[in-house]
Protein backbone atom coordinates (compact mmCIF):
# COMPACT_ATOMS: atom_id res chain seq x y z
CA MET A 1 252.27 -98.48 163.16
CA ALA A 2 250.74 -95.04 162.63
CA ARG A 3 247.82 -94.21 160.43
CA ARG A 4 247.82 -90.59 159.32
CA THR A 5 244.66 -89.06 157.91
CA PRO A 6 245.26 -85.69 156.25
CA MET A 7 242.28 -83.40 156.56
CA SER A 8 241.12 -80.48 154.57
CA GLY A 9 238.80 -77.87 155.86
CA HIS A 10 238.83 -76.26 159.23
CA ARG A 11 239.93 -77.07 162.76
CA ASN A 12 236.31 -77.85 163.59
CA THR A 13 236.46 -80.76 161.13
CA VAL A 14 239.60 -82.11 162.79
CA ASP A 15 238.01 -81.68 166.23
CA ALA A 16 234.83 -83.48 165.08
CA CYS A 17 236.88 -86.44 163.82
CA TYR A 18 238.71 -86.57 167.15
CA MET A 19 235.44 -86.56 169.09
CA ALA A 20 233.97 -89.24 166.82
CA GLY A 21 237.04 -91.39 167.40
CA LEU A 22 236.72 -91.05 171.17
CA ALA A 23 233.02 -91.94 170.94
CA ASN A 24 233.89 -95.10 168.97
CA THR A 25 236.47 -96.92 171.15
CA GLY A 26 239.40 -94.59 170.41
CA ARG A 27 241.73 -93.70 173.27
CA ASP A 28 243.06 -90.18 173.72
CA ASP A 29 246.76 -89.78 173.00
CA GLY A 30 246.89 -85.97 172.75
CA ALA A 31 244.11 -83.40 172.54
CA PRO A 32 243.74 -81.24 169.39
CA GLY A 33 246.32 -78.49 169.18
CA ILE A 34 249.23 -76.96 167.30
CA ARG A 35 252.19 -79.34 167.07
CA ALA A 36 255.02 -76.83 166.65
CA GLN A 37 257.62 -79.61 166.63
CA TYR A 38 256.31 -80.60 163.16
CA ASP A 39 255.29 -77.21 161.74
CA ALA A 40 253.94 -73.88 163.00
CA HIS A 41 250.59 -74.62 161.31
CA TYR A 42 250.36 -78.36 162.04
CA TYR A 43 247.09 -78.77 163.96
CA ALA A 44 246.27 -82.31 165.03
CA PRO A 45 244.89 -84.50 167.80
CA PHE A 46 246.20 -88.00 168.42
CA LEU A 47 244.17 -91.14 169.11
CA ARG A 48 244.95 -94.81 169.59
CA ASP A 49 242.71 -97.42 168.03
CA PRO A 50 241.84 -100.60 169.98
CA ASP A 51 244.99 -102.31 168.59
CA GLY A 52 247.20 -99.47 169.84
CA ASN A 53 247.87 -97.89 166.44
CA LYS A 54 248.33 -94.12 166.55
CA ILE A 55 245.97 -92.01 164.45
CA ASP A 56 246.28 -88.30 163.83
CA PHE A 57 244.04 -85.99 161.86
CA VAL A 58 246.06 -83.21 160.35
CA LEU A 59 245.24 -79.70 159.27
CA ARG A 60 248.36 -78.15 157.80
CA GLY A 61 248.55 -74.52 156.88
CA ARG A 62 245.77 -72.08 156.26
CA LEU A 63 246.44 -70.96 152.69
CA LYS A 64 243.28 -72.39 151.19
CA GLN A 65 241.13 -71.18 154.06
CA MET A 66 242.63 -67.69 153.88
CA ARG A 67 242.05 -67.63 150.11
CA ILE A 68 238.41 -68.66 150.55
CA ARG A 69 237.94 -65.95 153.16
CA HIS A 70 239.67 -63.31 151.03
CA LEU A 71 237.78 -63.87 147.75
CA PRO A 72 234.31 -62.74 148.97
CA ALA A 73 235.79 -59.57 150.47
CA VAL A 74 237.40 -58.70 147.14
CA ALA A 75 234.08 -59.32 145.38
CA VAL A 76 232.16 -57.09 147.80
CA ASN A 77 234.73 -54.29 147.56
CA SER A 78 234.64 -54.37 143.76
CA ASN A 79 230.84 -54.80 143.64
CA ALA A 80 231.19 -58.05 141.68
CA PRO A 81 229.90 -61.60 142.23
CA ARG A 82 232.12 -64.17 143.90
CA PRO A 83 234.54 -65.67 141.38
CA ALA A 84 234.30 -69.27 140.22
CA GLU A 85 237.50 -70.03 142.15
CA TYR A 86 235.68 -69.32 145.42
CA HIS A 87 232.96 -71.87 144.67
CA TRP A 88 235.51 -74.47 143.56
CA LEU A 89 237.61 -74.02 146.72
CA PHE A 90 234.54 -74.13 148.96
CA TRP A 91 233.11 -77.33 147.50
CA ALA A 92 236.50 -79.03 147.25
CA SER A 93 237.11 -78.36 150.95
CA PHE A 94 233.63 -79.55 151.83
CA TRP A 95 233.68 -82.80 149.83
CA PHE A 96 237.26 -83.86 150.62
CA GLY A 97 236.42 -83.83 154.32
CA PHE A 98 233.86 -86.63 153.97
CA PRO A 99 236.24 -89.46 152.90
CA ALA A 100 238.55 -88.75 155.83
CA PHE A 101 235.68 -88.64 158.31
CA SER A 102 234.16 -91.84 156.83
CA ALA A 103 237.54 -93.58 157.09
CA LEU A 104 237.70 -92.72 160.77
CA LEU A 105 234.24 -94.14 161.40
CA ALA A 106 235.07 -97.29 159.42
CA ILE A 107 238.24 -97.86 161.46
CA PHE A 108 236.46 -97.66 164.79
CA GLN A 109 233.22 -99.38 163.74
CA SER A 110 235.12 -102.45 162.56
CA GLU A 111 236.49 -103.13 166.03
């Protein structure tokens, strides 16, 4: 049985979840990296929980991250404040990362 935890945010978030899993009884089953067999932008590490279930934390694509990075540059070049879309994308990425990270901790703390 595999448990898949989609992640939003950045590779650092995925890496932090992987390290937290290793620190909480998880066993390494593949270090973080691009998994080209799934997709050119599929970045994930693999862990096994104490029962042997496979867990992967996935960062797919970079569209949202590229959009967040692009919006401030457009604002600076046009001498305008950052648009509301930038703030929405930033906070959505930030807050959606917490449930996934909390789920990881809950899985390994319950063992």
